[in-house]
């Protein structure tokens, strides 16, 4: 893969043979974000889990203390009182059955997170083929299938992120923007890592954190010392 001039210049600042302490890594990754837009800082955590075993599947959510720096559009599937509650909580879109053709046939996907009350999962289930591959399917483990729609919407708007293993047993999540202060990024990063350590499957033998890397959207990665967590 060929990288642009800015990437190549940035990469010279990273010692590839070194794993950096968290604060050092955050300071460096901020300097590597040289694009003309406010880059997202991402954490990529390679785990020792084997996602083929159900008991080693990691999935959950955590509210980052300083948010992600991105405004998130929330769609809630609800009816009756819960419809009104979701609207009052500030959900961007609220509906039920009538949204199925709009999403399925018209390809409407102008939202980032989907929340549903348990009694609406029969309806939402019909969208599995569309929402599933995009990681948008509501899930009780992530707190997006719930009767407490007010809390769900508030948490998401406050900076709640979902984490899950991909096919290669890596977790990819944003921890903020390059414009955040080092302290804000450090708080968010530590909150994420604490949640992941807690989520370690009890059946896992051997090393849990194989590697942790921080990267800006357009820049090179910085390896973080896994023993710091």
Protein backbone atom coordinates (compact mmCIF):
# COMPACT_ATOMS: atom_id res chain seq x y z
CA UNK A 1 0.00 0.00 0.00
CA UNK A 2 1.42 3.35 -1.08
CA UNK A 3 1.19 6.15 1.46
CA UNK A 4 1.12 9.90 0.79
CA UNK A 5 3.92 12.36 1.61
CA UNK A 6 2.33 13.52 4.88
CA UNK A 7 1.98 9.95 6.12
CA UNK A 8 5.58 9.13 5.23
CA UNK A 9 6.82 12.30 6.99
CA UNK A 10 4.69 11.52 10.08
CA UNK A 11 5.91 7.92 10.19
CA UNK A 12 9.49 9.15 10.69
CA UNK A 13 8.45 10.35 14.18
CA UNK A 14 7.44 6.86 15.28
CA UNK A 15 9.99 4.35 16.56
CA UNK A 16 8.58 1.08 15.17
CA UNK A 17 10.68 -1.03 17.52
CA UNK A 18 9.30 0.63 20.63
CA UNK A 19 6.12 0.28 22.68
CA UNK A 20 5.23 3.61 24.25
CA UNK A 21 3.69 4.32 27.64
CA UNK A 22 0.02 5.42 27.27
CA UNK A 23 0.59 9.14 27.91
CA UNK A 24 3.61 9.19 25.62
CA UNK A 25 1.64 7.39 22.89
CA UNK A 26 -1.27 9.86 23.16
CA UNK A 27 1.06 12.85 22.96
CA UNK A 28 2.73 11.38 19.86
CA UNK A 29 -0.47 10.33 18.11
CA UNK A 30 -1.84 13.88 18.45
CA UNK A 31 1.26 15.19 16.65
CA UNK A 32 0.79 12.62 13.88
CA UNK A 33 -2.68 13.94 13.04
CA UNK A 34 -1.68 16.43 10.31
CA UNK A 35 -4.69 16.20 7.96
CA UNK A 36 -6.73 19.30 7.16
CA UNK A 37 -9.69 17.95 9.16
CA UNK A 38 -10.08 17.01 12.83
CA UNK A 39 -8.90 13.40 12.71
CA UNK A 40 -10.39 10.68 14.88
CA UNK A 41 -7.99 8.94 17.24
CA UNK A 42 -8.65 5.21 17.22
CA UNK A 43 -7.57 2.33 19.46
CA UNK A 44 -6.94 -1.07 17.88
CA UNK A 45 -6.69 -3.84 20.48
CA UNK A 46 -5.50 -7.27 19.32
CA UNK A 47 -6.72 -9.88 21.80
CA UNK A 48 -5.76 -13.45 22.52
CA UNK A 49 -9.43 -14.45 22.25
CA UNK A 50 -10.78 -16.91 19.73
CA UNK A 51 -14.07 -15.42 18.58
CA UNK A 52 -15.13 -18.75 17.06
CA UNK A 53 -15.94 -19.85 20.62
CA UNK A 54 -19.11 -18.19 21.90
CA UNK A 55 -17.71 -17.83 25.43
CA UNK A 56 -14.73 -15.85 24.08
CA UNK A 57 -16.84 -13.38 22.12
CA UNK A 58 -16.36 -9.93 23.59
CA UNK A 59 -19.12 -7.42 23.07
CA UNK A 60 -20.26 -4.50 25.15
CA UNK A 61 -20.40 -0.74 25.46
CA UNK A 62 -18.81 1.98 27.54
CA UNK A 63 -19.49 5.70 27.96
CA UNK A 64 -16.33 7.71 27.31
CA UNK A 65 -16.08 10.55 29.86
CA UNK A 66 -15.35 13.16 27.17
CA UNK A 67 -17.41 11.66 24.35
CA UNK A 68 -16.09 10.87 20.88
CA UNK A 69 -16.23 14.38 19.44
CA UNK A 70 -18.79 13.19 16.92
CA UNK A 71 -22.48 14.04 17.00
CA UNK A 72 -24.38 10.77 16.80
CA UNK A 73 -27.79 10.27 15.18
CA UNK A 74 -29.98 7.83 17.10
CA UNK A 75 -32.93 5.88 15.69
CA UNK A 76 -35.31 4.34 18.25
CA UNK A 77 -37.86 1.64 17.46
CA UNK A 78 -40.65 2.08 20.01
CA UNK A 79 -44.39 2.52 20.37
CA UNK A 80 -46.91 4.04 22.77
CA UNK A 81 -45.41 5.68 25.86
CA UNK A 82 -41.92 4.59 24.85
CA UNK A 83 -42.32 6.43 21.52
CA UNK A 84 -43.01 9.66 23.44
CA UNK A 85 -40.20 8.92 25.89
CA UNK A 86 -37.66 8.44 23.08
CA UNK A 87 -38.78 11.67 21.40
CA UNK A 88 -38.49 13.58 24.69
CA UNK A 89 -35.01 12.10 25.31
CA UNK A 90 -33.77 13.65 22.07
CA UNK A 91 -33.70 10.66 19.68
CA UNK A 92 -33.23 11.90 16.11
CA UNK A 93 -35.75 9.44 14.66
CA UNK A 94 -38.46 7.37 16.35
CA UNK A 95 -40.80 4.88 14.70
CA UNK A 96 -41.89 1.33 14.17
CA UNK A 97 -43.27 -0.85 11.41
CA UNK A 98 -43.51 2.10 8.96
CA UNK A 99 -39.70 2.47 8.89
CA UNK A 100 -39.12 -1.06 7.54
CA UNK A 101 -39.74 -0.28 3.82
CA UNK A 102 -37.85 3.01 4.12
CA UNK A 103 -34.73 1.17 5.35
CA UNK A 104 -35.20 -2.06 3.37
CA UNK A 105 -36.34 -0.69 0.01
CA UNK A 106 -35.19 2.94 -0.07
CA UNK A 107 -31.81 2.23 1.55
CA UNK A 108 -32.35 4.91 4.23
CA UNK A 109 -29.48 4.67 6.72
CA UNK A 110 -29.15 8.24 7.97
CA UNK A 111 -28.42 7.16 11.57
CA UNK A 112 -25.42 5.91 13.58
CA UNK A 113 -27.01 3.84 16.36
CA UNK A 114 -30.27 1.89 16.58
CA UNK A 115 -32.08 1.38 19.89
CA UNK A 116 -35.19 -0.80 20.30
CA UNK A 117 -37.54 -1.74 23.09
CA UNK A 118 -37.74 -5.55 23.54
CA UNK A 119 -41.34 -5.66 22.20
CA UNK A 120 -40.12 -4.12 18.91
CA UNK A 121 -37.38 -6.69 18.23
CA UNK A 122 -39.78 -8.78 16.14
CA UNK A 123 -40.07 -5.82 13.78
CA UNK A 124 -36.37 -4.91 13.89
CA UNK A 125 -35.41 -8.56 13.30
CA UNK A 126 -36.76 -8.24 9.76
CA UNK A 127 -34.00 -5.71 9.08
CA UNK A 128 -31.25 -8.11 10.16
CA UNK A 129 -29.81 -8.46 6.66
CA UNK A 130 -29.48 -4.69 6.28
CA UNK A 131 -28.49 -3.65 9.81
CA UNK A 132 -26.44 -6.73 10.79
CA UNK A 133 -23.52 -6.35 8.34
CA UNK A 134 -23.29 -2.64 9.22
CA UNK A 135 -23.06 -3.40 12.97
CA UNK A 136 -26.29 -1.48 13.57
CA UNK A 137 -28.44 -4.31 14.96
CA UNK A 138 -29.65 -3.52 18.52
CA UNK A 139 -28.16 -5.85 21.11
CA UNK A 140 -28.95 -6.30 24.83
CA UNK A 141 -25.22 -6.61 25.69
CA UNK A 142 -24.58 -3.18 24.20
CA UNK A 143 -27.58 -1.71 26.04
CA UNK A 144 -29.42 -0.96 22.80
CA UNK A 145 -32.31 -3.36 23.47
CA UNK A 146 -33.92 -1.84 26.55
CA UNK A 147 -37.11 -0.46 28.07
CA UNK A 148 -35.12 2.46 29.48
CA UNK A 149 -34.93 4.39 26.20
CA UNK A 150 -34.18 7.68 27.98
CA UNK A 151 -30.97 6.28 29.48
CA UNK A 152 -30.01 4.59 26.19
CA UNK A 153 -30.40 7.80 24.17
CA UNK A 154 -28.68 9.95 26.82
CA UNK A 155 -25.71 7.57 27.09
CA UNK A 156 -25.25 7.39 23.32
CA UNK A 157 -25.44 11.17 22.97
CA UNK A 158 -22.94 11.52 25.85
CA UNK A 159 -20.32 9.42 24.05
CA UNK A 160 -21.19 5.78 24.52
CA UNK A 161 -19.30 3.49 22.16
CA UNK A 162 -19.74 -0.18 21.37
CA UNK A 163 -16.83 -2.58 21.24
CA UNK A 164 -16.75 -6.05 19.74
CA UNK A 165 -14.26 -8.51 18.31
CA UNK A 166 -13.89 -8.50 14.54
CA UNK A 167 -13.16 -11.68 12.56
CA UNK A 168 -9.45 -11.38 13.36
CA UNK A 169 -10.11 -10.98 17.13
CA UNK A 170 -9.25 -7.27 17.09
CA UNK A 171 -11.37 -4.52 18.67
CA UNK A 172 -11.42 -1.17 16.81
CA UNK A 173 -12.92 1.87 18.57
CA UNK A 174 -12.64 5.67 18.50
CA UNK A 175 -11.38 7.35 21.68
CA UNK A 176 -11.84 10.97 20.60
CA UNK A 177 -10.58 13.61 18.18
CA UNK A 178 -7.11 15.01 17.54
CA UNK A 179 -8.41 18.37 18.83
CA UNK A 180 -9.03 16.85 22.29
CA UNK A 181 -6.52 17.64 25.01
CA UNK A 182 -4.04 14.91 26.01
CA UNK A 183 -5.87 14.62 29.34
CA UNK A 184 -9.24 14.05 27.64
CA UNK A 185 -7.81 11.40 25.32
CA UNK A 186 -5.98 9.73 28.24
CA UNK A 187 -9.23 9.61 30.31
CA UNK A 188 -11.18 8.13 27.40
CA UNK A 189 -8.44 5.61 26.59
CA UNK A 190 -8.14 4.46 30.21
CA UNK A 191 -11.95 4.13 30.51
CA UNK A 192 -12.01 1.96 27.38
CA UNK A 193 -9.12 -0.23 28.53
CA UNK A 194 -10.67 -0.69 32.01
CA UNK A 195 -13.90 -1.88 30.34
CA UNK A 196 -12.02 -4.31 28.09
CA UNK A 197 -9.98 -5.76 30.97
CA UNK A 198 -13.27 -6.33 32.85
CA UNK A 199 -14.72 -8.03 29.77
CA UNK A 200 -11.88 -10.56 29.57
CA UNK A 201 -13.50 -14.00 29.12
CA UNK A 202 -12.89 -16.27 32.12
CA UNK A 203 -12.28 -19.20 29.77
CA UNK A 204 -9.32 -17.48 28.09
CA UNK A 205 -5.95 -19.02 28.87
CA UNK A 206 -2.78 -17.10 28.11
CA UNK A 207 -2.31 -13.46 27.10
CA UNK A 208 -5.42 -11.31 26.74
CA UNK A 209 -3.88 -8.12 25.33
CA UNK A 210 -1.60 -9.13 22.45
CA UNK A 211 -1.07 -5.57 21.23
CA UNK A 212 -2.61 -2.10 21.58
CA UNK A 213 -2.11 0.53 18.89
CA UNK A 214 -3.32 4.13 18.67
CA UNK A 215 -3.73 5.74 15.26
CA UNK A 216 -5.09 9.00 13.82
CA UNK A 217 -7.46 8.57 10.84
CA UNK A 218 -4.81 9.34 8.23
CA UNK A 219 -1.58 8.68 10.10
CA UNK A 220 0.66 5.82 11.23
CA UNK A 221 0.04 3.71 14.33
CA UNK A 222 1.79 4.02 17.69
CA UNK A 223 2.21 0.83 19.76
CA UNK A 224 1.28 1.09 23.43
CA UNK A 225 2.87 -0.93 26.24
CA UNK A 226 0.22 -3.57 27.09
CA UNK A 227 1.70 -4.03 30.58
CA UNK A 228 0.44 -0.55 31.46
CA UNK A 229 -3.10 -1.95 31.87
